[in-house]
Amino acid sequence: MREIRTFELEHDEPAAAWRITEPLILKVMAGQVWLTIDGDPEDYWLAPGATFELPRGARAWVSAGPDNARVALAVAGCTLRERMFPANASLLSRLSGRSLRDWMPRWFATA
């Protein structure tokens, strides 16, 4: 089983900066998405149905095209168990520093 998060982007919103803490797959569900990754000289325009793998540690800038956009994000290449119980993390470190406002999974953080 994988967790998939859906985000809606409006054309008039400023580009969002995402810091990727786990490898993710971005899939465009509707509209067009502009995507750029810090350190990558290319900008990408993704059409509906297109996917893009976002590597761990990347900072991605995402924005909607002229007709708004909807994207889905899923963790790439790991199981739910691996995400919930990483081998090098203790229970205390997984629980410390969390608050109710941390509703987003730890694999995705706004920059």
PDB file of N, CA and C in Angstrom:
ATOM      1  N   MET A   1       0.850  -1.173   0.000  1.00  0.00           N
ATOM      2  CA  MET A   1       0.000   0.000   0.000  1.00  0.00           C
ATOM      3  C   MET A   1       0.895   1.234   0.000  1.00  0.00           C
ATOM      4  N   ARG A   2       0.501   2.249  -0.764  1.00  0.00           N
ATOM      5  CA  ARG A   2       1.234   3.514  -0.798  1.00  0.00           C
ATOM      6  C   ARG A   2       0.298   4.651  -0.441  1.00  0.00           C
ATOM      7  N   GLU A   3       0.852   5.658   0.208  1.00  0.00           N
ATOM      8  CA  GLU A   3       0.107   6.876   0.471  1.00  0.00           C
ATOM      9  C   GLU A   3       0.301   7.800  -0.717  1.00  0.00           C
ATOM     10  N   ILE A   4      -0.791   8.380  -1.196  1.00  0.00           N
ATOM     11  CA  ILE A   4      -0.734   9.326  -2.304  1.00  0.00           C
ATOM     12  C   ILE A   4      -1.436  10.599  -1.851  1.00  0.00           C
ATOM     13  N   ARG A   5      -0.759  11.720  -2.014  1.00  0.00           N
ATOM     14  CA  ARG A   5      -1.324  13.028  -1.666  1.00  0.00           C
ATOM     15  C   ARG A   5      -1.631  13.788  -2.943  1.00  0.00           C
ATOM     16  N   THR A   6      -2.770  14.473  -2.966  1.00  0.00           N
ATOM     17  CA  THR A   6      -3.171  15.265  -4.127  1.00  0.00           C
ATOM     18  C   THR A   6      -3.150  16.742  -3.746  1.00  0.00           C
ATOM     19  N   PHE A   7      -2.591  17.561  -4.649  1.00  0.00           N
ATOM     20  CA  PHE A   7      -2.510  19.003  -4.434  1.00  0.00           C
ATOM     21  C   PHE A   7      -3.108  19.720  -5.634  1.00  0.00           C
ATOM     22  N   GLU A   8      -3.837  20.791  -5.378  1.00  0.00           N
ATOM     23  CA  GLU A   8      -4.368  21.624  -6.442  1.00  0.00           C
ATOM     24  C   GLU A   8      -3.611  22.943  -6.448  1.00  0.00           C
ATOM     25  N   LEU A   9      -3.143  23.325  -7.624  1.00  0.00           N
ATOM     26  CA  LEU A   9      -2.368  24.554  -7.794  1.00  0.00           C
ATOM     27  C   LEU A   9      -3.162  25.499  -8.679  1.00  0.00           C
ATOM     28  N   GLU A  10      -3.262  26.740  -8.274  1.00  0.00           N
ATOM     29  CA  GLU A  10      -3.963  27.734  -9.091  1.00  0.00           C
ATOM     30  C   GLU A  10      -2.952  28.558  -9.865  1.00  0.00           C
ATOM     31  N   HIS A  11      -3.359  28.970 -11.042  1.00  0.00           N
ATOM     32  CA  HIS A  11      -2.467  29.699 -11.942  1.00  0.00           C
ATOM     33  C   HIS A  11      -1.899  30.972 -11.313  1.00  0.00           C
ATOM     34  N   ASP A  12      -2.703  31.674 -10.543  1.00  0.00           N
ATOM     35  CA  ASP A  12      -2.241  32.964  -9.999  1.00  0.00           C
ATOM     36  C   ASP A  12      -1.455  32.825  -8.692  1.00  0.00           C
ATOM     37  N   GLU A  13      -1.247  31.610  -8.194  1.00  0.00           N
ATOM     38  CA  GLU A  13      -0.434  31.410  -6.997  1.00  0.00           C
ATOM     39  C   GLU A  13       1.043  31.524  -7.358  1.00  0.00           C
ATOM     40  N   PRO A  14       1.851  32.040  -6.447  1.00  0.00           N
ATOM     41  CA  PRO A  14       3.296  32.021  -6.708  1.00  0.00           C
ATOM     42  C   PRO A  14       3.816  30.583  -6.689  1.00  0.00           C
ATOM     43  N   ALA A  15       4.947  30.368  -7.313  1.00  0.00           N
ATOM     44  CA  ALA A  15       5.555  29.036  -7.328  1.00  0.00           C
ATOM     45  C   ALA A  15       5.819  28.582  -5.892  1.00  0.00           C
ATOM     46  N   ALA A  16       5.547  27.321  -5.635  1.00  0.00           N
ATOM     47  CA  ALA A  16       5.790  26.738  -4.312  1.00  0.00           C
ATOM     48  C   ALA A  16       7.151  26.066  -4.314  1.00  0.00           C
ATOM     49  N   ALA A  17       7.901  26.250  -3.230  1.00  0.00           N
ATOM     50  CA  ALA A  17       9.196  25.591  -3.075  1.00  0.00           C
ATOM     51  C   ALA A  17       9.004  24.393  -2.154  1.00  0.00           C
ATOM     52  N   TRP A  18       9.370  23.207  -2.643  1.00  0.00           N
ATOM     53  CA  TRP A  18       9.257  21.986  -1.858  1.00  0.00           C
ATOM     54  C   TRP A  18      10.655  21.439  -1.606  1.00  0.00           C
ATOM     55  N   ARG A  19      10.947  21.070  -0.373  1.00  0.00           N
ATOM     56  CA  ARG A  19      12.182  20.375  -0.025  1.00  0.00           C
ATOM     57  C   ARG A  19      11.827  18.901   0.081  1.00  0.00           C
ATOM     58  N   ILE A  20      12.429  18.084  -0.742  1.00  0.00           N
ATOM     59  CA  ILE A  20      12.072  16.673  -0.841  1.00  0.00           C
ATOM     60  C   ILE A  20      12.925  15.867   0.139  1.00  0.00           C
ATOM     61  N   THR A  21      12.280  15.266   1.135  1.00  0.00           N
ATOM     62  CA  THR A  21      13.013  14.519   2.154  1.00  0.00           C
ATOM     63  C   THR A  21      13.014  13.014   1.896  1.00  0.00           C
ATOM     64  N   GLU A  22      12.173  12.540   0.996  1.00  0.00           N
ATOM     65  CA  GLU A  22      12.142  11.140   0.557  1.00  0.00           C
ATOM     66  C   GLU A  22      11.941  11.170  -0.955  1.00  0.00           C
ATOM     67  N   PRO A  23      12.478  10.222  -1.707  1.00  0.00           N
ATOM     68  CA  PRO A  23      12.236  10.206  -3.155  1.00  0.00           C
ATOM     69  C   PRO A  23      10.729  10.136  -3.435  1.00  0.00           C
ATOM     70  N   LEU A  24      10.261  11.001  -4.327  1.00  0.00           N
ATOM     71  CA  LEU A  24       8.835  11.077  -4.644  1.00  0.00           C
ATOM     72  C   LEU A  24       8.599  10.929  -6.136  1.00  0.00           C
ATOM     73  N   ILE A  25       7.408  10.481  -6.475  1.00  0.00           N
ATOM     74  CA  ILE A  25       6.929  10.498  -7.846  1.00  0.00           C
ATOM     75  C   ILE A  25       5.830  11.552  -7.913  1.00  0.00           C
ATOM     76  N   LEU A  26       6.000  12.543  -8.770  1.00  0.00           N
ATOM     77  CA  LEU A  26       4.979  13.553  -9.016  1.00  0.00           C
ATOM     78  C   LEU A  26       4.250  13.148 -10.293  1.00  0.00           C
ATOM     79  N   LYS A  27       2.924  13.096 -10.252  1.00  0.00           N
ATOM     80  CA  LYS A  27       2.130  12.800 -11.444  1.00  0.00           C
ATOM     81  C   LYS A  27       1.138  13.925 -11.656  1.00  0.00           C
ATOM     82  N   VAL A  28       1.089  14.447 -12.874  1.00  0.00           N
ATOM     83  CA  VAL A  28       0.154  15.513 -13.208  1.00  0.00           C
ATOM     84  C   VAL A  28      -1.197  14.873 -13.523  1.00  0.00           C
ATOM     85  N   MET A  29      -2.202  15.226 -12.746  1.00  0.00           N
ATOM     86  CA  MET A  29      -3.541  14.669 -12.920  1.00  0.00           C
ATOM     87  C   MET A  29      -4.400  15.547 -13.837  1.00  0.00           C
ATOM     88  N   ALA A  30      -4.179  16.853 -13.801  1.00  0.00           N
ATOM     89  CA  ALA A  30      -4.952  17.785 -14.632  1.00  0.00           C
ATOM     90  C   ALA A  30      -4.149  19.063 -14.811  1.00  0.00           C
ATOM     91  N   GLY A  31      -4.348  19.736 -15.935  1.00  0.00           N
ATOM     92  CA  GLY A  31      -3.656  20.989 -16.217  1.00  0.00           C
ATOM     93  C   GLY A  31      -2.193  20.761 -16.560  1.00  0.00           C
ATOM     94  N   GLN A  32      -1.461  21.854 -16.632  1.00  0.00           N
ATOM     95  CA  GLN A  32      -0.027  21.798 -16.881  1.00  0.00           C
ATOM     96  C   GLN A  32       0.715  22.264 -15.639  1.00  0.00           C
ATOM     97  N   VAL A  33       1.904  21.688 -15.436  1.00  0.00           N
ATOM     98  CA  VAL A  33       2.712  22.028 -14.273  1.00  0.00           C
ATOM     99  C   VAL A  33       4.092  22.453 -14.747  1.00  0.00           C
ATOM    100  N   TRP A  34       4.558  23.585 -14.207  1.00  0.00           N
ATOM    101  CA  TRP A  34       5.940  24.022 -14.424  1.00  0.00           C
ATOM    102  C   TRP A  34       6.733  23.518 -13.242  1.00  0.00           C
ATOM    103  N   LEU A  35       7.879  22.902 -13.510  1.00  0.00           N
ATOM    104  CA  LEU A  35       8.711  22.313 -12.467  1.00  0.00           C
ATOM    105  C   LEU A  35      10.162  22.629 -12.757  1.00  0.00           C
ATOM    106  N   THR A  36      10.886  23.047 -11.741  1.00  0.00           N
ATOM    107  CA  THR A  36      12.329  23.201 -11.846  1.00  0.00           C
ATOM    108  C   THR A  36      12.949  22.696 -10.553  1.00  0.00           C
ATOM    109  N   ILE A  37      14.145  22.155 -10.669  1.00  0.00           N
ATOM    110  CA  ILE A  37      14.863  21.601  -9.527  1.00  0.00           C
ATOM    111  C   ILE A  37      16.136  22.421  -9.355  1.00  0.00           C
ATOM    112  N   ASP A  38      16.412  22.869  -8.118  1.00  0.00           N
ATOM    113  CA  ASP A  38      17.657  23.603  -7.871  1.00  0.00           C
ATOM    114  C   ASP A  38      18.844  22.784  -8.373  1.00  0.00           C
ATOM    115  N   GLY A  39      19.733  23.421  -9.108  1.00  0.00           N
ATOM    116  CA  GLY A  39      20.916  22.761  -9.629  1.00  0.00           C
ATOM    117  C   GLY A  39      20.730  22.104 -10.980  1.00  0.00           C
ATOM    118  N   ASP A  40      19.501  21.974 -11.443  1.00  0.00           N
ATOM    119  CA  ASP A  40      19.210  21.401 -12.765  1.00  0.00           C
ATOM    120  C   ASP A  40      18.968  22.564 -13.718  1.00  0.00           C
ATOM    121  N   PRO A  41      19.736  22.678 -14.796  1.00  0.00           N
ATOM    122  CA  PRO A  41      19.576  23.825 -15.685  1.00  0.00           C
ATOM    123  C   PRO A  41      18.266  23.820 -16.480  1.00  0.00           C
ATOM    124  N   GLU A  42      17.554  22.708 -16.488  1.00  0.00           N
ATOM    125  CA  GLU A  42      16.310  22.599 -17.261  1.00  0.00           C
ATOM    126  C   GLU A  42      15.099  23.038 -16.450  1.00  0.00           C
ATOM    127  N   ASP A  43      14.116  23.593 -17.144  1.00  0.00           N
ATOM    128  CA  ASP A  43      12.772  23.777 -16.613  1.00  0.00           C
ATOM    129  C   ASP A  43      11.909  22.755 -17.323  1.00  0.00           C
ATOM    130  N   TYR A  44      10.895  22.234 -16.632  1.00  0.00           N
ATOM    131  CA  TYR A  44      10.046  21.197 -17.211  1.00  0.00           C
ATOM    132  C   TYR A  44       8.600  21.666 -17.233  1.00  0.00           C
ATOM    133  N   TRP A  45       7.935  21.496 -18.356  1.00  0.00           N
ATOM    134  CA  TRP A  45       6.498  21.696 -18.467  1.00  0.00           C
ATOM    135  C   TRP A  45       5.892  20.308 -18.597  1.00  0.00           C
ATOM    136  N   LEU A  46       5.088  19.930 -17.628  1.00  0.00           N
ATOM    137  CA  LEU A  46       4.514  18.589 -17.587  1.00  0.00           C
ATOM    138  C   LEU A  46       3.028  18.650 -17.909  1.00  0.00           C
ATOM    139  N   ALA A  47       2.602  17.791 -18.832  1.00  0.00           N
ATOM    140  CA  ALA A  47       1.205  17.717 -19.263  1.00  0.00           C
ATOM    141  C   ALA A  47       0.466  16.663 -18.436  1.00  0.00           C
ATOM    142  N   PRO A  48      -0.867  16.635 -18.501  1.00  0.00           N
ATOM    143  CA  PRO A  48      -1.623  15.612 -17.776  1.00  0.00           C
ATOM    144  C   PRO A  48      -1.125  14.203 -18.128  1.00  0.00           C
ATOM    145  N   GLY A  49      -0.956  13.395 -17.092  1.00  0.00           N
ATOM    146  CA  GLY A  49      -0.466  12.035 -17.264  1.00  0.00           C
ATOM    147  C   GLY A  49       1.038  11.904 -17.127  1.00  0.00           C
ATOM    148  N   ALA A  50       1.767  13.015 -17.216  1.00  0.00           N
ATOM    149  CA  ALA A  50       3.228  12.973 -17.105  1.00  0.00           C
ATOM    150  C   ALA A  50       3.634  12.706 -15.663  1.00  0.00           C
ATOM    151  N   THR A  51       4.758  12.005 -15.500  1.00  0.00           N
ATOM    152  CA  THR A  51       5.309  11.755 -14.177  1.00  0.00           C
ATOM    153  C   THR A  51       6.747  12.264 -14.138  1.00  0.00           C
ATOM    154  N   PHE A  52       7.213  12.559 -12.925  1.00  0.00           N
ATOM    155  CA  PHE A  52       8.573  13.047 -12.736  1.00  0.00           C
ATOM    156  C   PHE A  52       9.048  12.545 -11.383  1.00  0.00           C
ATOM    157  N   GLU A  53      10.239  11.963 -11.330  1.00  0.00           N
ATOM    158  CA  GLU A  53      10.787  11.486 -10.061  1.00  0.00           C
ATOM    159  C   GLU A  53      11.594  12.604  -9.409  1.00  0.00           C
ATOM    160  N   LEU A  54      11.220  12.934  -8.190  1.00  0.00           N
ATOM    161  CA  LEU A  54      11.900  13.969  -7.416  1.00  0.00           C
ATOM    162  C   LEU A  54      12.849  13.281  -6.447  1.00  0.00           C
ATOM    163  N   PRO A  55      14.160  13.522  -6.573  1.00  0.00           N
ATOM    164  CA  PRO A  55      15.120  12.821  -5.721  1.00  0.00           C
ATOM    165  C   PRO A  55      15.179  13.381  -4.299  1.00  0.00           C
ATOM    166  N   ARG A  56      15.559  12.523  -3.372  1.00  0.00           N
ATOM    167  CA  ARG A  56      15.753  12.928  -1.972  1.00  0.00           C
ATOM    168  C   ARG A  56      16.771  14.068  -1.916  1.00  0.00           C
ATOM    169  N   GLY A  57      16.480  15.060  -1.111  1.00  0.00           N
ATOM    170  CA  GLY A  57      17.390  16.175  -0.915  1.00  0.00           C
ATOM    171  C   GLY A  57      17.207  17.318  -1.895  1.00  0.00           C
ATOM    172  N   ALA A  58      16.385  17.114  -2.912  1.00  0.00           N
ATOM    173  CA  ALA A  58      16.180  18.162  -3.920  1.00  0.00           C
ATOM    174  C   ALA A  58      15.282  19.262  -3.365  1.00  0.00           C
ATOM    175  N   ARG A  59      15.422  20.429  -3.964  1.00  0.00           N
ATOM    176  CA  ARG A  59      14.482  21.526  -3.718  1.00  0.00           C
ATOM    177  C   ARG A  59      13.805  21.776  -5.050  1.00  0.00           C
ATOM    178  N   ALA A  60      12.492  21.562  -5.081  1.00  0.00           N
ATOM    179  CA  ALA A  60      11.724  21.680  -6.316  1.00  0.00           C
ATOM    180  C   ALA A  60      10.820  22.911  -6.246  1.00  0.00           C
ATOM    181  N   TRP A  61      10.716  23.605  -7.369  1.00  0.00           N
ATOM    182  CA  TRP A  61       9.810  24.739  -7.500  1.00  0.00           C
ATOM    183  C   TRP A  61       8.702  24.301  -8.439  1.00  0.00           C
ATOM    184  N   VAL A  62       7.447  24.458  -7.993  1.00  0.00           N
ATOM    185  CA  VAL A  62       6.295  23.947  -8.731  1.00  0.00           C
ATOM    186  C   VAL A  62       5.262  25.051  -8.867  1.00  0.00           C
ATOM    187  N   SER A  63       4.681  25.138 -10.067  1.00  0.00           N
ATOM    188  CA  SER A  63       3.651  26.135 -10.319  1.00  0.00           C
ATOM    189  C   SER A  63       2.683  25.597 -11.371  1.00  0.00           C
ATOM    190  N   ALA A  64       1.465  26.121 -11.360  1.00  0.00           N
ATOM    191  CA  ALA A  64       0.445  25.708 -12.327  1.00  0.00           C
ATOM    192  C   ALA A  64       0.565  26.496 -13.620  1.00  0.00           C
ATOM    193  N   GLY A  65       0.175  25.856 -14.708  1.00  0.00           N
ATOM    194  CA  GLY A  65       0.075  26.525 -16.002  1.00  0.00           C
ATOM    195  C   GLY A  65      -1.165  27.405 -16.029  1.00  0.00           C
ATOM    196  N   PRO A  66      -1.567  27.862 -17.218  1.00  0.00           N
ATOM    197  CA  PRO A  66      -2.669  28.829 -17.332  1.00  0.00           C
ATOM    198  C   PRO A  66      -4.040  28.297 -16.919  1.00  0.00           C
ATOM    199  N   ASP A  67      -4.216  26.984 -16.861  1.00  0.00           N
ATOM    200  CA  ASP A  67      -5.533  26.421 -16.534  1.00  0.00           C
ATOM    201  C   ASP A  67      -5.584  25.742 -15.175  1.00  0.00           C
ATOM    202  N   ASN A  68      -4.745  26.181 -14.241  1.00  0.00           N
ATOM    203  CA  ASN A  68      -4.631  25.541 -12.933  1.00  0.00           C
ATOM    204  C   ASN A  68      -4.094  24.116 -13.115  1.00  0.00           C
ATOM    205  N   ALA A  69      -3.877  23.406 -12.029  1.00  0.00           N
ATOM    206  CA  ALA A  69      -3.327  22.057 -12.133  1.00  0.00           C
ATOM    207  C   ALA A  69      -3.653  21.262 -10.878  1.00  0.00           C
ATOM    208  N   ARG A  70      -3.644  19.952 -11.043  1.00  0.00           N
ATOM    209  CA  ARG A  70      -3.778  19.030  -9.921  1.00  0.00           C
ATOM    210  C   ARG A  70      -2.663  18.001 -10.057  1.00  0.00           C
ATOM    211  N   VAL A  71      -1.914  17.786  -8.979  1.00  0.00           N
ATOM    212  CA  VAL A  71      -0.812  16.823  -8.994  1.00  0.00           C
ATOM    213  C   VAL A  71      -0.988  15.841  -7.847  1.00  0.00           C
ATOM    214  N   ALA A  72      -0.456  14.642  -8.054  1.00  0.00           N
ATOM    215  CA  ALA A  72      -0.417  13.621  -7.009  1.00  0.00           C
ATOM    216  C   ALA A  72       1.040  13.334  -6.689  1.00  0.00           C
ATOM    217  N   LEU A  73       1.337  13.150  -5.417  1.00  0.00           N
ATOM    218  CA  LEU A  73       2.687  12.799  -4.962  1.00  0.00           C
ATOM    219  C   LEU A  73       2.629  11.475  -4.220  1.00  0.00           C
ATOM    220  N   ALA A  74       3.548  10.590  -4.545  1.00  0.00           N
ATOM    221  CA  ALA A  74       3.658   9.300  -3.857  1.00  0.00           C
ATOM    222  C   ALA A  74       5.131   9.026  -3.596  1.00  0.00           C
ATOM    223  N   VAL A  75       5.411   8.329  -2.517  1.00  0.00           N
ATOM    224  CA  VAL A  75       6.784   7.936  -2.213  1.00  0.00           C
ATOM    225  C   VAL A  75       7.245   6.945  -3.273  1.00  0.00           C
ATOM    226  N   ALA A  76       8.442   7.159  -3.776  1.00  0.00           N
ATOM    227  CA  ALA A  76       8.988   6.310  -4.831  1.00  0.00           C
ATOM    228  C   ALA A  76       9.755   5.139  -4.242  1.00  0.00           C
ATOM    229  N   GLY A  77       9.442   3.943  -4.692  1.00  0.00           N
ATOM    230  CA  GLY A  77      10.276   2.780  -4.444  1.00  0.00           C
ATOM    231  C   GLY A  77      10.464   2.310  -3.030  1.00  0.00           C
ATOM    232  N   CYS A  78       9.504   2.510  -2.135  1.00  0.00           N
ATOM    233  CA  CYS A  78       9.623   1.913  -0.816  1.00  0.00           C
ATOM    234  C   CYS A  78       8.245   1.546  -0.307  1.00  0.00           C
ATOM    235  N   THR A  79       8.196   0.687   0.671  1.00  0.00           N
ATOM    236  CA  THR A  79       6.934   0.226   1.232  1.00  0.00           C
ATOM    237  C   THR A  79       6.518   1.118   2.396  1.00  0.00           C
ATOM    238  N   LEU A  80       5.270   0.984   2.793  1.00  0.00           N
ATOM    239  CA  LEU A  80       4.762   1.735   3.938  1.00  0.00           C
ATOM    240  C   LEU A  80       5.569   1.403   5.192  1.00  0.00           C
ATOM    241  N   ARG A  81       5.906   0.134   5.385  1.00  0.00           N
ATOM    242  CA  ARG A  81       6.692  -0.274   6.556  1.00  0.00           C
ATOM    243  C   ARG A  81       8.045   0.429   6.574  1.00  0.00           C
ATOM    244  N   GLU A  82       8.713   0.521   5.414  1.00  0.00           N
ATOM    245  CA  GLU A  82      10.017   1.193   5.358  1.00  0.00           C
ATOM    246  C   GLU A  82       9.889   2.671   5.702  1.00  0.00           C
ATOM    247  N   ARG A  83       8.779   3.312   5.325  1.00  0.00           N
ATOM    248  CA  ARG A  83       8.592   4.723   5.646  1.00  0.00           C
ATOM    249  C   ARG A  83       8.284   4.928   7.120  1.00  0.00           C
ATOM    250  N   MET A  84       7.481   4.035   7.694  1.00  0.00           N
ATOM    251  CA  MET A  84       7.073   4.199   9.090  1.00  0.00           C
ATOM    252  C   MET A  84       8.152   3.770  10.070  1.00  0.00           C
ATOM    253  N   PHE A  85       8.970   2.796   9.703  1.00  0.00           N
ATOM    254  CA  PHE A  85       9.958   2.257  10.616  1.00  0.00           C
ATOM    255  C   PHE A  85      11.328   2.181   9.956  1.00  0.00           C
ATOM    256  N   PRO A  86      11.931   3.319   9.648  1.00  0.00           N
ATOM    257  CA  PRO A  86      13.263   3.277   9.053  1.00  0.00           C
ATOM    258  C   PRO A  86      14.247   2.611  10.010  1.00  0.00           C
ATOM    259  N   ALA A  87      15.170   1.856   9.450  1.00  0.00           N
ATOM    260  CA  ALA A  87      16.091   1.053  10.260  1.00  0.00           C
ATOM    261  C   ALA A  87      16.942   1.902  11.196  1.00  0.00           C
ATOM    262  N   ASN A  88      17.274   3.124  10.816  1.00  0.00           N
ATOM    263  CA  ASN A  88      18.206   3.922  11.613  1.00  0.00           C
ATOM    264  C   ASN A  88      17.517   4.932  12.522  1.00  0.00           C
ATOM    265  N   ALA A  89      16.198   4.835  12.681  1.00  0.00           N
ATOM    266  CA  ALA A  89      15.492   5.815  13.525  1.00  0.00           C
ATOM    267  C   ALA A  89      14.914   5.140  14.759  1.00  0.00           C
ATOM    268  N   SER A  90      15.125   5.738  15.899  1.00  0.00           N
ATOM    269  CA  SER A  90      14.532   5.221  17.133  1.00  0.00           C
ATOM    270  C   SER A  90      13.120   5.772  17.266  1.00  0.00           C
ATOM    271  N   LEU A  91      12.319   5.123  18.093  1.00  0.00           N
ATOM    272  CA  LEU A  91      10.958   5.592  18.327  1.00  0.00           C
ATOM    273  C   LEU A  91      10.969   7.018  18.852  1.00  0.00           C
ATOM    274  N   LEU A  92      11.881   7.323  19.757  1.00  0.00           N
ATOM    275  CA  LEU A  92      11.953   8.664  20.326  1.00  0.00           C
ATOM    276  C   LEU A  92      12.220   9.710  19.257  1.00  0.00           C
ATOM    277  N   SER A  93      13.145   9.434  18.335  1.00  0.00           N
ATOM    278  CA  SER A  93      13.454  10.439  17.317  1.00  0.00           C
ATOM    279  C   SER A  93      12.303  10.603  16.337  1.00  0.00           C
ATOM    280  N   ARG A  94      11.501   9.551  16.121  1.00  0.00           N
ATOM    281  CA  ARG A  94      10.348   9.678  15.226  1.00  0.00           C
ATOM    282  C   ARG A  94       9.249  10.509  15.859  1.00  0.00           C
ATOM    283  N   LEU A  95       9.144  10.476  17.193  1.00  0.00           N
ATOM    284  CA  LEU A  95       8.055  11.173  17.865  1.00  0.00           C
ATOM    285  C   LEU A  95       8.427  12.569  18.332  1.00  0.00           C
ATOM    286  N   SER A  96       9.692  12.832  18.602  1.00  0.00           N
ATOM    287  CA  SER A  96      10.075  14.124  19.160  1.00  0.00           C
ATOM    288  C   SER A  96       9.950  15.229  18.117  1.00  0.00           C
ATOM    289  N   GLY A  97       9.571  16.391  18.581  1.00  0.00           N
ATOM    290  CA  GLY A  97       9.506  17.556  17.714  1.00  0.00           C
ATOM    291  C   GLY A  97       8.277  17.608  16.822  1.00  0.00           C
ATOM    292  N   ARG A  98       7.331  16.687  16.960  1.00  0.00           N
ATOM    293  CA  ARG A  98       6.135  16.686  16.125  1.00  0.00           C
ATOM    294  C   ARG A  98       5.034  17.482  16.827  1.00  0.00           C
ATOM    295  N   SER A  99       4.234  18.177  16.072  1.00  0.00           N
ATOM    296  CA  SER A  99       3.102  18.879  16.649  1.00  0.00           C
ATOM    297  C   SER A  99       1.875  18.589  15.795  1.00  0.00           C
ATOM    298  N   LEU A 100       0.715  18.977  16.271  1.00  0.00           N
ATOM    299  CA  LEU A 100      -0.507  18.727  15.513  1.00  0.00           C
ATOM    300  C   LEU A 100      -0.515  19.447  14.173  1.00  0.00           C
ATOM    301  N   ARG A 101       0.188  20.545  14.068  1.00  0.00           N
ATOM    302  CA  ARG A 101       0.206  21.252  12.792  1.00  0.00           C
ATOM    303  C   ARG A 101       1.092  20.576  11.756  1.00  0.00           C
ATOM    304  N   ASP A 102       1.859  19.583  12.159  1.00  0.00           N
ATOM    305  CA  ASP A 102       2.696  18.830  11.217  1.00  0.00           C
ATOM    306  C   ASP A 102       1.857  17.761  10.529  1.00  0.00           C
ATOM    307  N   TRP A 103       0.802  18.175   9.837  1.00  0.00           N
ATOM    308  CA  TRP A 103      -0.116  17.233   9.207  1.00  0.00           C
ATOM    309  C   TRP A 103       0.451  16.609   7.947  1.00  0.00           C
ATOM    310  N   MET A 104       1.469  17.218   7.357  1.00  0.00           N
ATOM    311  CA  MET A 104       2.057  16.654   6.143  1.00  0.00           C
ATOM    312  C   MET A 104       3.019  15.539   6.527  1.00  0.00           C
ATOM    313  N   PRO A 105       3.085  14.494   5.717  1.00  0.00           N
ATOM    314  CA  PRO A 105       4.016  13.407   6.035  1.00  0.00           C
ATOM    315  C   PRO A 105       5.447  13.907   6.019  1.00  0.00           C
ATOM    316  N   ARG A 106       6.340  13.196   6.720  1.00  0.00           N
ATOM    317  CA  ARG A 106       7.717  13.661   6.833  1.00  0.00           C
ATOM    318  C   ARG A 106       8.483  13.560   5.541  1.00  0.00           C
ATOM    319  N   TRP A 107       7.936  12.906   4.514  1.00  0.00           N
ATOM    320  CA  TRP A 107       8.638  12.808   3.233  1.00  0.00           C
ATOM    321  C   TRP A 107       8.461  14.047   2.378  1.00  0.00           C
ATOM    322  N   PHE A 108       7.691  15.008   2.850  1.00  0.00           N
ATOM    323  CA  PHE A 108       7.437  16.211   2.077  1.00  0.00           C
ATOM    324  C   PHE A 108       7.388  17.387   3.023  1.00  0.00           C
ATOM    325  N   ALA A 109       8.106  18.433   2.708  1.00  0.00           N
ATOM    326  CA  ALA A 109       8.092  19.626   3.555  1.00  0.00           C
ATOM    327  C   ALA A 109       8.125  20.853   2.666  1.00  0.00           C
ATOM    328  N   THR A 110       7.397  21.867   3.052  1.00  0.00           N
ATOM    329  CA  THR A 110       7.498  23.120   2.318  1.00  0.00           C
ATOM    330  C   THR A 110       8.783  23.802   2.711  1.00  0.00           C
ATOM    331  N   ALA A 111       9.427  24.421   1.775  1.00  0.00           N
ATOM    332  CA  ALA A 111      10.717  25.046   2.047  1.00  0.00           C
ATOM    333  C   ALA A 111      10.537  26.478   2.486  1.00  0.00           C
TER     334      ALA A 111
END
